[in-house]
Amino acid sequence: MKVAFILIYLTSFILANNYSNCYECKKFINYMHNKYGFNKLYLNKLLSRANHMQSVLNRYNGTLKGATDYSWSRYKRKILIPESIELGRQFMKKNSSSLKRAKALYGVEKEIITSFIRVESKFGLYGGEYRVWDVLVTLSFNPNRKRRFFKSELEKFLLLSRREDLNPLEVKGSFAGAMGCVQQMPSIYLRYGVDLDNNGKKDPNSMADCIGSIAKFLSRQRWINNLQPVAKAKVNGNRYLNLRSGYKSLYNLYTLNKYGIYAPPWWNSTKAYYIRLKDKSNYDVYLGNHNYRVITKYNASKQYATSIGLYYKALKQNSY
């Protein structure tokens, strides 16, 4: 009851007063000024223009649960279908020059870049519904389970905006503050941002720069071209249900065989990541390799990584 009262009180305070007036906000202004030399009046003005995003806050303070469907069934139903694969082919044609430039710079093939952009934002259609500034300010100065993380990202967002001469009030992103067609948080974009269109700035709102940033990430993580990330496994019996599955579940083939899990004949490694995904009342079982692990370094979700791997396969083979 006491915690609920504090949540209501602090949220009401922020709503009734703009963010430039709250105690924690003033502390943040002083911190950014002392550590990075930001102008206090500039930050005060930015905070005064931040809109409180209660719907976003509800996702992280325990009020709203299950708002986004991350199930394997959804990934299969929305992404791994012929219409979706065709969108990927059209994207590669439309953005062929940027994809060729990215490959020349980073050595990463167009199909995996396209697969990331499809799963992350459906080629820029989603993921830009909110002002990143509003989201990060709301989540930084109101109680929620990831408040410390979001305050760090707010710091990085200001550094990114200053470095790339971006207007913080104009950058669009997701309800978590992730930016661009590959949905990168500011801290990640600081590391992997690319000016692929050569306009003098690394812009998360630019499709070309998004293509460059994911290519840079994949190159740094040593993506291997033409290596299919996941493969359908053959299972025998129900023992496979007793083996732990996850992005760190790496087993040798002998162990997998003991649990009734078998790799396809072409599998060229003595080990594999074990991936078990529930689709309603059934399970789909896959094995992952080095490239699968590369994808999970971007997002640790099994559903996410497997869908990217299968989408990549479809673009390479023109079928699913």
C-alpha atoms as a PDB file:
ATOM      1  CA  MET A   1       0.000   0.000   0.000  1.00  0.00           C
ATOM      2  CA  LYS A   2       2.815   2.371   0.928  1.00  0.00           C
ATOM      3  CA  VAL A   3       4.658   1.677  -2.342  1.00  0.00           C
ATOM      4  CA  ALA A   4       1.471   2.244  -4.333  1.00  0.00           C
ATOM      5  CA  PHE A   5       0.926   5.562  -2.563  1.00  0.00           C
ATOM      6  CA  ILE A   6       4.467   6.697  -3.368  1.00  0.00           C
ATOM      7  CA  LEU A   7       4.006   5.718  -7.026  1.00  0.00           C
ATOM      8  CA  ILE A   8       0.773   7.698  -7.260  1.00  0.00           C
ATOM      9  CA  TYR A   9       2.215  10.675  -5.438  1.00  0.00           C
ATOM     10  CA  LEU A  10       5.384  10.941  -7.495  1.00  0.00           C
ATOM     11  CA  THR A  11       3.549  10.442 -10.763  1.00  0.00           C
ATOM     12  CA  SER A  12       0.993  13.080  -9.796  1.00  0.00           C
ATOM     13  CA  PHE A  13       3.815  15.466  -8.965  1.00  0.00           C
ATOM     14  CA  ILE A  14       5.398  15.052 -12.375  1.00  0.00           C
ATOM     15  CA  LEU A  15       2.071  15.434 -14.126  1.00  0.00           C
ATOM     16  CA  ALA A  16       1.237  18.635 -12.255  1.00  0.00           C
ATOM     17  CA  ASN A  17       4.702  20.119 -12.721  1.00  0.00           C
ATOM     18  CA  ASN A  18       6.945  20.025 -15.735  1.00  0.00           C
ATOM     19  CA  TYR A  19      10.061  17.888 -15.616  1.00  0.00           C
ATOM     20  CA  SER A  20      12.418  20.836 -15.242  1.00  0.00           C
ATOM     21  CA  ASN A  21      11.059  21.399 -11.722  1.00  0.00           C
ATOM     22  CA  CYS A  22      11.454  17.957 -10.134  1.00  0.00           C
ATOM     23  CA  TYR A  23      14.293  17.346  -7.677  1.00  0.00           C
ATOM     24  CA  GLU A  24      15.762  14.344  -9.512  1.00  0.00           C
ATOM     25  CA  CYS A  25      15.617  16.260 -12.776  1.00  0.00           C
ATOM     26  CA  LYS A  26      17.605  19.145 -11.312  1.00  0.00           C
ATOM     27  CA  LYS A  27      20.173  16.684 -10.002  1.00  0.00           C
ATOM     28  CA  PHE A  28      20.430  15.225 -13.508  1.00  0.00           C
ATOM     29  CA  ILE A  29      20.937  18.684 -15.014  1.00  0.00           C
ATOM     30  CA  ASN A  30      23.786  19.369 -12.581  1.00  0.00           C
ATOM     31  CA  TYR A  31      25.308  15.971 -13.299  1.00  0.00           C
ATOM     32  CA  MET A  32      25.294  16.502 -17.087  1.00  0.00           C
ATOM     33  CA  HIS A  33      26.708  20.007 -16.647  1.00  0.00           C
ATOM     34  CA  ASN A  34      29.506  18.966 -14.302  1.00  0.00           C
ATOM     35  CA  LYS A  35      30.519  15.794 -16.157  1.00  0.00           C
ATOM     36  CA  TYR A  36      30.012  16.783 -19.804  1.00  0.00           C
ATOM     37  CA  GLY A  37      29.709  20.562 -19.834  1.00  0.00           C
ATOM     38  CA  PHE A  38      26.078  20.744 -20.966  1.00  0.00           C
ATOM     39  CA  ASN A  39      24.448  24.153 -20.619  1.00  0.00           C
ATOM     40  CA  LYS A  40      22.025  24.117 -17.688  1.00  0.00           C
ATOM     41  CA  LEU A  41      19.527  26.454 -19.339  1.00  0.00           C
ATOM     42  CA  TYR A  42      19.515  24.266 -22.449  1.00  0.00           C
ATOM     43  CA  LEU A  43      18.773  21.122 -20.440  1.00  0.00           C
ATOM     44  CA  ASN A  44      16.166  22.928 -18.361  1.00  0.00           C
ATOM     45  CA  LYS A  45      14.381  24.013 -21.536  1.00  0.00           C
ATOM     46  CA  LEU A  46      14.496  20.493 -22.974  1.00  0.00           C
ATOM     47  CA  LEU A  47      13.049  18.998 -19.799  1.00  0.00           C
ATOM     48  CA  SER A  48      10.289  21.589 -19.708  1.00  0.00           C
ATOM     49  CA  ARG A  49       9.217  20.403 -23.175  1.00  0.00           C
ATOM     50  CA  ALA A  50       9.122  16.711 -22.292  1.00  0.00           C
ATOM     51  CA  ASN A  51       5.663  15.158 -22.407  1.00  0.00           C
ATOM     52  CA  HIS A  52       4.759  12.693 -19.674  1.00  0.00           C
ATOM     53  CA  MET A  53       4.015   9.295 -21.265  1.00  0.00           C
ATOM     54  CA  GLN A  54       1.807   7.427 -18.818  1.00  0.00           C
ATOM     55  CA  SER A  55       1.031   4.624 -21.263  1.00  0.00           C
ATOM     56  CA  VAL A  56       4.774   3.988 -21.638  1.00  0.00           C
ATOM     57  CA  LEU A  57       5.355   4.128 -17.895  1.00  0.00           C
ATOM     58  CA  ASN A  58       2.590   1.586 -17.299  1.00  0.00           C
ATOM     59  CA  ARG A  59       4.597  -0.993 -19.258  1.00  0.00           C
ATOM     60  CA  TYR A  60       7.412  -0.845 -16.724  1.00  0.00           C
ATOM     61  CA  ASN A  61       5.819  -0.048 -13.370  1.00  0.00           C
ATOM     62  CA  GLY A  62       3.742  -3.212 -13.136  1.00  0.00           C
ATOM     63  CA  THR A  63       0.439  -1.604 -14.133  1.00  0.00           C
ATOM     64  CA  LEU A  64       0.252  -3.021 -17.665  1.00  0.00           C
ATOM     65  CA  LYS A  65       1.284  -6.600 -18.358  1.00  0.00           C
ATOM     66  CA  GLY A  66       1.305  -8.590 -21.584  1.00  0.00           C
ATOM     67  CA  ALA A  67       0.982  -5.469 -23.749  1.00  0.00           C
ATOM     68  CA  THR A  68       3.226  -6.931 -26.447  1.00  0.00           C
ATOM     69  CA  ASP A  69       2.970 -10.461 -27.795  1.00  0.00           C
ATOM     70  CA  TYR A  70       6.448 -11.979 -28.042  1.00  0.00           C
ATOM     71  CA  SER A  71       5.226 -15.543 -28.563  1.00  0.00           C
ATOM     72  CA  TRP A  72       6.732 -17.860 -31.156  1.00  0.00           C
ATOM     73  CA  SER A  73       3.253 -18.257 -32.657  1.00  0.00           C
ATOM     74  CA  ARG A  74       3.143 -14.523 -33.375  1.00  0.00           C
ATOM     75  CA  TYR A  75       6.585 -14.514 -35.007  1.00  0.00           C
ATOM     76  CA  LYS A  76       5.548 -17.378 -37.273  1.00  0.00           C
ATOM     77  CA  ARG A  77       2.163 -15.862 -38.078  1.00  0.00           C
ATOM     78  CA  LYS A  78       3.430 -12.337 -38.825  1.00  0.00           C
ATOM     79  CA  ILE A  79       6.993 -12.682 -40.074  1.00  0.00           C
ATOM     80  CA  LEU A  80       7.581 -16.142 -41.526  1.00  0.00           C
ATOM     81  CA  ILE A  81       4.897 -15.965 -44.220  1.00  0.00           C
ATOM     82  CA  PRO A  82       5.209 -15.477 -48.009  1.00  0.00           C
ATOM     83  CA  GLU A  83       3.877 -11.893 -47.966  1.00  0.00           C
ATOM     84  CA  SER A  84       6.469 -10.913 -45.409  1.00  0.00           C
ATOM     85  CA  ILE A  85       9.303 -12.591 -47.323  1.00  0.00           C
ATOM     86  CA  GLU A  86       8.238 -10.700 -50.454  1.00  0.00           C
ATOM     87  CA  LEU A  87       8.507  -7.419 -48.545  1.00  0.00           C
ATOM     88  CA  GLY A  88      12.115  -8.348 -47.830  1.00  0.00           C
ATOM     89  CA  ARG A  89      12.876  -8.925 -51.487  1.00  0.00           C
ATOM     90  CA  GLN A  90      11.318  -5.580 -52.383  1.00  0.00           C
ATOM     91  CA  PHE A  91      13.339  -3.881 -49.662  1.00  0.00           C
ATOM     92  CA  MET A  92      16.590  -5.309 -51.038  1.00  0.00           C
ATOM     93  CA  LYS A  93      15.783  -3.985 -54.505  1.00  0.00           C
ATOM     94  CA  LYS A  94      14.772  -0.543 -53.266  1.00  0.00           C
ATOM     95  CA  ASN A  95      17.834  -0.178 -51.028  1.00  0.00           C
ATOM     96  CA  SER A  96      20.346  -2.029 -53.190  1.00  0.00           C
ATOM     97  CA  SER A  97      22.877   0.813 -53.285  1.00  0.00           C
ATOM     98  CA  SER A  98      22.976   1.186 -49.497  1.00  0.00           C
ATOM     99  CA  LEU A  99      23.163  -2.570 -49.010  1.00  0.00           C
ATOM    100  CA  LYS A 100      26.055  -2.806 -51.495  1.00  0.00           C
ATOM    101  CA  ARG A 101      27.863   0.029 -49.725  1.00  0.00           C
ATOM    102  CA  ALA A 102      27.378  -1.677 -46.372  1.00  0.00           C
ATOM    103  CA  LYS A 103      28.786  -4.930 -47.725  1.00  0.00           C
ATOM    104  CA  ALA A 104      31.769  -3.125 -49.239  1.00  0.00           C
ATOM    105  CA  LEU A 105      32.523  -1.478 -45.891  1.00  0.00           C
ATOM    106  CA  TYR A 106      31.734  -4.309 -43.489  1.00  0.00           C
ATOM    107  CA  GLY A 107      31.593  -7.480 -45.569  1.00  0.00           C
ATOM    108  CA  VAL A 108      28.076  -8.382 -44.421  1.00  0.00           C
ATOM    109  CA  GLU A 109      25.541  -9.845 -46.837  1.00  0.00           C
ATOM    110  CA  LYS A 110      22.304  -8.036 -47.635  1.00  0.00           C
ATOM    111  CA  GLU A 111      19.972 -10.871 -46.586  1.00  0.00           C
ATOM    112  CA  ILE A 112      20.891 -10.774 -42.899  1.00  0.00           C
ATOM    113  CA  ILE A 113      20.758  -6.967 -42.761  1.00  0.00           C
ATOM    114  CA  THR A 114      17.306  -7.119 -44.341  1.00  0.00           C
ATOM    115  CA  SER A 115      16.193  -9.802 -41.885  1.00  0.00           C
ATOM    116  CA  PHE A 116      17.102  -7.657 -38.890  1.00  0.00           C
ATOM    117  CA  ILE A 117      15.245  -4.648 -40.263  1.00  0.00           C
ATOM    118  CA  ARG A 118      12.160  -6.755 -41.022  1.00  0.00           C
ATOM    119  CA  VAL A 119      11.913  -8.221 -37.537  1.00  0.00           C
ATOM    120  CA  GLU A 120      12.821  -5.008 -35.722  1.00  0.00           C
ATOM    121  CA  SER A 121      10.529  -2.525 -37.461  1.00  0.00           C
ATOM    122  CA  LYS A 122       8.968  -4.052 -40.589  1.00  0.00           C
ATOM    123  CA  PHE A 123      11.301  -1.899 -42.673  1.00  0.00           C
ATOM    124  CA  GLY A 124      10.690   1.268 -40.692  1.00  0.00           C
ATOM    125  CA  LEU A 125       6.904   0.989 -40.550  1.00  0.00           C
ATOM    126  CA  TYR A 126       6.939   0.486 -36.767  1.00  0.00           C
ATOM    127  CA  GLY A 127       9.177   1.630 -33.955  1.00  0.00           C
ATOM    128  CA  GLY A 128       8.908   5.370 -34.558  1.00  0.00           C
ATOM    129  CA  GLU A 129       5.634   6.144 -32.804  1.00  0.00           C
ATOM    130  CA  TYR A 130       7.122   8.102 -29.891  1.00  0.00           C
ATOM    131  CA  ARG A 131       9.543  10.936 -29.293  1.00  0.00           C
ATOM    132  CA  VAL A 132      12.584   9.305 -27.733  1.00  0.00           C
ATOM    133  CA  TRP A 133      13.021  12.320 -25.448  1.00  0.00           C
ATOM    134  CA  ASP A 134       9.525  11.948 -23.974  1.00  0.00           C
ATOM    135  CA  VAL A 135       9.979   8.230 -23.404  1.00  0.00           C
ATOM    136  CA  LEU A 136      13.399   8.398 -21.766  1.00  0.00           C
ATOM    137  CA  VAL A 137      12.528  11.348 -19.554  1.00  0.00           C
ATOM    138  CA  THR A 138       9.318   9.678 -18.362  1.00  0.00           C
ATOM    139  CA  LEU A 139      11.079   6.402 -17.596  1.00  0.00           C
ATOM    140  CA  SER A 140      14.091   8.086 -15.985  1.00  0.00           C
ATOM    141  CA  PHE A 141      12.213  10.167 -13.428  1.00  0.00           C
ATOM    142  CA  ASN A 142       9.287   7.958 -12.438  1.00  0.00           C
ATOM    143  CA  PRO A 143       9.448   4.719 -10.405  1.00  0.00           C
ATOM    144  CA  ASN A 144       9.744   1.599 -12.569  1.00  0.00           C
ATOM    145  CA  ARG A 145      11.738  -1.616 -12.648  1.00  0.00           C
ATOM    146  CA  LYS A 146      14.347  -0.335 -15.143  1.00  0.00           C
ATOM    147  CA  ARG A 147      14.643   3.260 -14.031  1.00  0.00           C
ATOM    148  CA  ARG A 148      18.432   3.201 -13.593  1.00  0.00           C
ATOM    149  CA  PHE A 149      18.875   1.729 -17.063  1.00  0.00           C
ATOM    150  CA  PHE A 150      16.681   4.389 -18.680  1.00  0.00           C
ATOM    151  CA  LYS A 151      18.445   7.235 -16.890  1.00  0.00           C
ATOM    152  CA  SER A 152      21.741   5.934 -18.281  1.00  0.00           C
ATOM    153  CA  GLU A 153      20.186   5.824 -21.750  1.00  0.00           C
ATOM    154  CA  LEU A 154      18.914   9.405 -21.332  1.00  0.00           C
ATOM    155  CA  GLU A 155      22.484  10.440 -20.610  1.00  0.00           C
ATOM    156  CA  LYS A 156      23.737   8.616 -23.703  1.00  0.00           C
ATOM    157  CA  PHE A 157      20.936  10.090 -25.808  1.00  0.00           C
ATOM    158  CA  LEU A 158      22.043  13.631 -24.953  1.00  0.00           C
ATOM    159  CA  LEU A 159      25.654  12.744 -25.771  1.00  0.00           C
ATOM    160  CA  LEU A 160      24.568  11.213 -29.086  1.00  0.00           C
ATOM    161  CA  SER A 161      22.424  14.214 -29.981  1.00  0.00           C
ATOM    162  CA  ARG A 162      25.281  16.611 -29.287  1.00  0.00           C
ATOM    163  CA  ARG A 163      27.852  14.535 -31.165  1.00  0.00           C
ATOM    164  CA  GLU A 164      25.693  14.127 -34.260  1.00  0.00           C
ATOM    165  CA  ASP A 165      24.025  17.557 -34.093  1.00  0.00           C
ATOM    166  CA  LEU A 166      20.569  16.020 -33.699  1.00  0.00           C
ATOM    167  CA  ASN A 167      17.570  17.785 -32.194  1.00  0.00           C
ATOM    168  CA  PRO A 168      16.584  15.586 -29.205  1.00  0.00           C
ATOM    169  CA  LEU A 169      12.963  16.608 -29.667  1.00  0.00           C
ATOM    170  CA  GLU A 170      12.821  15.290 -33.234  1.00  0.00           C
ATOM    171  CA  VAL A 171      14.263  11.786 -32.892  1.00  0.00           C
ATOM    172  CA  LYS A 172      11.541   9.127 -33.006  1.00  0.00           C
ATOM    173  CA  GLY A 173      11.617   5.668 -31.494  1.00  0.00           C
ATOM    174  CA  SER A 174       9.750   2.940 -29.653  1.00  0.00           C
ATOM    175  CA  PHE A 175       8.018   2.839 -26.275  1.00  0.00           C
ATOM    176  CA  ALA A 176      11.408   1.820 -24.815  1.00  0.00           C
ATOM    177  CA  GLY A 177      13.361   4.630 -26.472  1.00  0.00           C
ATOM    178  CA  ALA A 178      14.937   2.395 -29.120  1.00  0.00           C
ATOM    179  CA  MET A 179      15.692   4.314 -32.309  1.00  0.00           C
ATOM    180  CA  GLY A 180      15.589   3.734 -36.032  1.00  0.00           C
ATOM    181  CA  CYS A 181      14.675   0.791 -38.221  1.00  0.00           C
ATOM    182  CA  VAL A 182      16.919  -1.555 -36.240  1.00  0.00           C
ATOM    183  CA  GLN A 183      15.669  -0.241 -32.870  1.00  0.00           C
ATOM    184  CA  GLN A 184      18.946   0.611 -31.146  1.00  0.00           C
ATOM    185  CA  MET A 185      19.121   2.194 -27.718  1.00  0.00           C
ATOM    186  CA  PRO A 186      21.295   5.339 -27.536  1.00  0.00           C
ATOM    187  CA  SER A 187      24.185   3.508 -25.837  1.00  0.00           C
ATOM    188  CA  ILE A 188      24.275   0.970 -28.678  1.00  0.00           C
ATOM    189  CA  TYR A 189      23.960   3.624 -31.367  1.00  0.00           C
ATOM    190  CA  LEU A 190      26.917   5.495 -29.876  1.00  0.00           C
ATOM    191  CA  ARG A 191      28.991   2.368 -30.497  1.00  0.00           C
ATOM    192  CA  TYR A 192      27.591   1.216 -33.839  1.00  0.00           C
ATOM    193  CA  GLY A 193      26.137   4.295 -35.500  1.00  0.00           C
ATOM    194  CA  VAL A 194      27.264   4.807 -39.109  1.00  0.00           C
ATOM    195  CA  ASP A 195      27.000   7.693 -41.574  1.00  0.00           C
ATOM    196  CA  LEU A 196      26.386   5.455 -44.568  1.00  0.00           C
ATOM    197  CA  ASP A 197      24.714   8.153 -46.672  1.00  0.00           C
ATOM    198  CA  ASN A 198      27.683  10.495 -46.126  1.00  0.00           C
ATOM    199  CA  ASN A 199      25.612  13.512 -45.086  1.00  0.00           C
ATOM    200  CA  GLY A 200      27.867  14.350 -42.154  1.00  0.00           C
ATOM    201  CA  LYS A 201      25.850  12.783 -39.331  1.00  0.00           C
ATOM    202  CA  LYS A 202      24.952   9.353 -37.981  1.00  0.00           C
ATOM    203  CA  ASP A 203      21.193   9.628 -38.011  1.00  0.00           C
ATOM    204  CA  PRO A 204      19.015   6.870 -36.465  1.00  0.00           C
ATOM    205  CA  ASN A 205      16.084   8.168 -38.556  1.00  0.00           C
ATOM    206  CA  SER A 206      17.982   7.495 -41.808  1.00  0.00           C
ATOM    207  CA  MET A 207      17.358   4.130 -43.483  1.00  0.00           C
ATOM    208  CA  ALA A 208      20.833   4.130 -45.041  1.00  0.00           C
ATOM    209  CA  ASP A 209      22.470   4.784 -41.686  1.00  0.00           C
ATOM    210  CA  CYS A 210      20.339   2.047 -40.101  1.00  0.00           C
ATOM    211  CA  ILE A 211      21.591  -0.384 -42.720  1.00  0.00           C
ATOM    212  CA  GLY A 212      25.145   0.661 -41.965  1.00  0.00           C
ATOM    213  CA  SER A 213      24.738   0.363 -38.194  1.00  0.00           C
ATOM    214  CA  ILE A 214      23.439  -3.210 -38.244  1.00  0.00           C
ATOM    215  CA  ALA A 215      26.129  -4.179 -40.749  1.00  0.00           C
ATOM    216  CA  LYS A 216      28.756  -2.729 -38.416  1.00  0.00           C
ATOM    217  CA  PHE A 217      27.334  -4.644 -35.461  1.00  0.00           C
ATOM    218  CA  LEU A 218      27.308  -7.936 -37.379  1.00  0.00           C
ATOM    219  CA  SER A 219      30.840  -7.357 -38.621  1.00  0.00           C
ATOM    220  CA  ARG A 220      32.101  -6.658 -35.095  1.00  0.00           C
ATOM    221  CA  GLN A 221      30.436  -9.858 -33.871  1.00  0.00           C
ATOM    222  CA  ARG A 222      32.054 -11.838 -36.722  1.00  0.00           C
ATOM    223  CA  TRP A 223      28.995 -12.847 -38.705  1.00  0.00           C
ATOM    224  CA  ILE A 224      29.850 -15.574 -41.249  1.00  0.00           C
ATOM    225  CA  ASN A 225      28.217 -15.044 -44.644  1.00  0.00           C
ATOM    226  CA  ASN A 226      26.252 -17.915 -46.190  1.00  0.00           C
ATOM    227  CA  LEU A 227      26.092 -19.837 -42.908  1.00  0.00           C
ATOM    228  CA  GLN A 228      22.479 -20.652 -42.054  1.00  0.00           C
ATOM    229  CA  PRO A 229      22.023 -19.683 -38.351  1.00  0.00           C
ATOM    230  CA  VAL A 230      19.413 -22.292 -37.415  1.00  0.00           C
ATOM    231  CA  ALA A 231      18.338 -25.703 -38.636  1.00  0.00           C
ATOM    232  CA  LYS A 232      15.289 -27.810 -37.895  1.00  0.00           C
ATOM    233  CA  ALA A 233      16.161 -30.676 -35.572  1.00  0.00           C
ATOM    234  CA  LYS A 234      14.718 -34.164 -35.624  1.00  0.00           C
ATOM    235  CA  VAL A 235      13.328 -35.329 -32.294  1.00  0.00           C
ATOM    236  CA  ASN A 236      12.540 -38.801 -31.044  1.00  0.00           C
ATOM    237  CA  GLY A 237      10.263 -39.320 -28.051  1.00  0.00           C
ATOM    238  CA  ASN A 238       9.666 -36.714 -25.331  1.00  0.00           C
ATOM    239  CA  ARG A 239      13.067 -36.589 -23.650  1.00  0.00           C
ATOM    240  CA  TYR A 240      13.863 -33.355 -25.466  1.00  0.00           C
ATOM    241  CA  LEU A 241      11.394 -31.584 -23.155  1.00  0.00           C
ATOM    242  CA  ASN A 242      13.717 -32.221 -20.196  1.00  0.00           C
ATOM    243  CA  LEU A 243      16.736 -30.413 -21.650  1.00  0.00           C
ATOM    244  CA  ARG A 244      17.210 -26.718 -20.927  1.00  0.00           C
ATOM    245  CA  SER A 245      16.759 -24.458 -23.931  1.00  0.00           C
ATOM    246  CA  GLY A 246      18.071 -20.910 -24.292  1.00  0.00           C
ATOM    247  CA  TYR A 247      20.544 -18.646 -26.016  1.00  0.00           C
ATOM    248  CA  LYS A 248      23.334 -20.048 -23.807  1.00  0.00           C
ATOM    249  CA  SER A 249      22.234 -23.687 -24.084  1.00  0.00           C
ATOM    250  CA  LEU A 250      25.203 -25.021 -26.037  1.00  0.00           C
ATOM    251  CA  TYR A 251      25.567 -28.818 -26.057  1.00  0.00           C
ATOM    252  CA  ASN A 252      27.687 -31.345 -27.877  1.00  0.00           C
ATOM    253  CA  LEU A 253      25.803 -33.556 -30.308  1.00  0.00           C
ATOM    254  CA  TYR A 254      26.310 -36.621 -28.121  1.00  0.00           C
ATOM    255  CA  THR A 255      24.354 -34.981 -25.277  1.00  0.00           C
ATOM    256  CA  LEU A 256      21.633 -33.849 -27.663  1.00  0.00           C
ATOM    257  CA  ASN A 257      21.346 -37.371 -29.073  1.00  0.00           C
ATOM    258  CA  LYS A 258      20.841 -38.772 -25.545  1.00  0.00           C
ATOM    259  CA  TYR A 259      17.790 -36.534 -25.276  1.00  0.00           C
ATOM    260  CA  GLY A 260      16.459 -37.661 -28.644  1.00  0.00           C
ATOM    261  CA  ILE A 261      17.566 -34.542 -30.559  1.00  0.00           C
ATOM    262  CA  TYR A 262      19.368 -34.999 -33.864  1.00  0.00           C
ATOM    263  CA  ALA A 263      21.105 -32.539 -36.176  1.00  0.00           C
ATOM    264  CA  PRO A 264      20.575 -32.641 -39.964  1.00  0.00           C
ATOM    265  CA  PRO A 265      23.214 -34.490 -42.014  1.00  0.00           C
ATOM    266  CA  TRP A 266      24.839 -31.284 -43.254  1.00  0.00           C
ATOM    267  CA  TRP A 267      25.524 -29.951 -39.739  1.00  0.00           C
ATOM    268  CA  ASN A 268      29.290 -29.278 -39.697  1.00  0.00           C
ATOM    269  CA  SER A 269      29.918 -28.780 -35.974  1.00  0.00           C
ATOM    270  CA  THR A 270      30.206 -31.109 -32.997  1.00  0.00           C
ATOM    271  CA  LYS A 271      28.115 -28.691 -30.907  1.00  0.00           C
ATOM    272  CA  ALA A 272      24.844 -26.803 -31.247  1.00  0.00           C
ATOM    273  CA  TYR A 273      22.631 -24.380 -29.357  1.00  0.00           C
ATOM    274  CA  TYR A 274      19.397 -26.103 -28.409  1.00  0.00           C
ATOM    275  CA  ILE A 275      16.254 -24.121 -29.269  1.00  0.00           C
ATOM    276  CA  ARG A 276      12.816 -25.323 -28.177  1.00  0.00           C
ATOM    277  CA  LEU A 277       9.901 -23.051 -29.026  1.00  0.00           C
ATOM    278  CA  LYS A 278       6.302 -23.588 -28.028  1.00  0.00           C
ATOM    279  CA  ASP A 279       3.705 -23.053 -30.741  1.00  0.00           C
ATOM    280  CA  LYS A 280       0.342 -23.319 -29.003  1.00  0.00           C
ATOM    281  CA  SER A 281       0.219 -26.975 -27.864  1.00  0.00           C
ATOM    282  CA  ASN A 282       3.204 -28.149 -29.919  1.00  0.00           C
ATOM    283  CA  TYR A 283       6.954 -27.524 -29.955  1.00  0.00           C
ATOM    284  CA  ASP A 284       9.295 -26.561 -32.776  1.00  0.00           C
ATOM    285  CA  VAL A 285      12.872 -27.661 -32.192  1.00  0.00           C
ATOM    286  CA  TYR A 286      15.887 -26.067 -33.868  1.00  0.00           C
ATOM    287  CA  LEU A 287      19.638 -26.088 -33.518  1.00  0.00           C
ATOM    288  CA  GLY A 288      21.756 -22.949 -33.699  1.00  0.00           C
ATOM    289  CA  ASN A 289      25.384 -22.280 -34.565  1.00  0.00           C
ATOM    290  CA  HIS A 290      27.847 -19.373 -34.343  1.00  0.00           C
ATOM    291  CA  ASN A 291      25.614 -17.086 -36.405  1.00  0.00           C
ATOM    292  CA  TYR A 292      22.657 -17.830 -34.130  1.00  0.00           C
ATOM    293  CA  ARG A 293      24.750 -16.728 -31.169  1.00  0.00           C
ATOM    294  CA  VAL A 294      25.669 -13.530 -33.027  1.00  0.00           C
ATOM    295  CA  ILE A 295      21.967 -12.676 -33.393  1.00  0.00           C
ATOM    296  CA  THR A 296      21.314 -13.316 -29.692  1.00  0.00           C
ATOM    297  CA  LYS A 297      23.999 -10.790 -28.791  1.00  0.00           C
ATOM    298  CA  TYR A 298      21.658  -8.191 -30.275  1.00  0.00           C
ATOM    299  CA  ASN A 299      18.542  -9.627 -28.622  1.00  0.00           C
ATOM    300  CA  ALA A 300      18.694 -12.681 -26.368  1.00  0.00           C
ATOM    301  CA  SER A 301      15.169 -13.890 -27.193  1.00  0.00           C
ATOM    302  CA  LYS A 302      15.047 -17.373 -28.755  1.00  0.00           C
ATOM    303  CA  GLN A 303      11.937 -16.439 -30.709  1.00  0.00           C
ATOM    304  CA  TYR A 304      13.580 -13.292 -32.059  1.00  0.00           C
ATOM    305  CA  ALA A 305      16.830 -14.961 -33.074  1.00  0.00           C
ATOM    306  CA  THR A 306      15.159 -17.960 -34.658  1.00  0.00           C
ATOM    307  CA  SER A 307      12.765 -15.809 -36.677  1.00  0.00           C
ATOM    308  CA  ILE A 308      15.671 -13.764 -38.021  1.00  0.00           C
ATOM    309  CA  GLY A 309      17.549 -16.943 -38.867  1.00  0.00           C
ATOM    310  CA  LEU A 310      14.596 -18.440 -40.739  1.00  0.00           C
ATOM    311  CA  TYR A 311      13.789 -15.173 -42.505  1.00  0.00           C
ATOM    312  CA  TYR A 312      17.429 -15.003 -43.636  1.00  0.00           C
ATOM    313  CA  LYS A 313      17.161 -18.572 -44.919  1.00  0.00           C
ATOM    314  CA  ALA A 314      14.011 -17.707 -46.868  1.00  0.00           C
ATOM    315  CA  LEU A 315      15.666 -14.712 -48.537  1.00  0.00           C
ATOM    316  CA  LYS A 316      18.654 -16.849 -49.474  1.00  0.00           C
ATOM    317  CA  GLN A 317      16.569 -19.755 -50.780  1.00  0.00           C
ATOM    318  CA  ASN A 318      13.502 -17.798 -51.960  1.00  0.00           C
ATOM    319  CA  SER A 319      11.221 -20.033 -49.916  1.00  0.00           C
ATOM    320  CA  TYR A 320      10.255 -20.745 -46.339  1.00  0.00           C
END
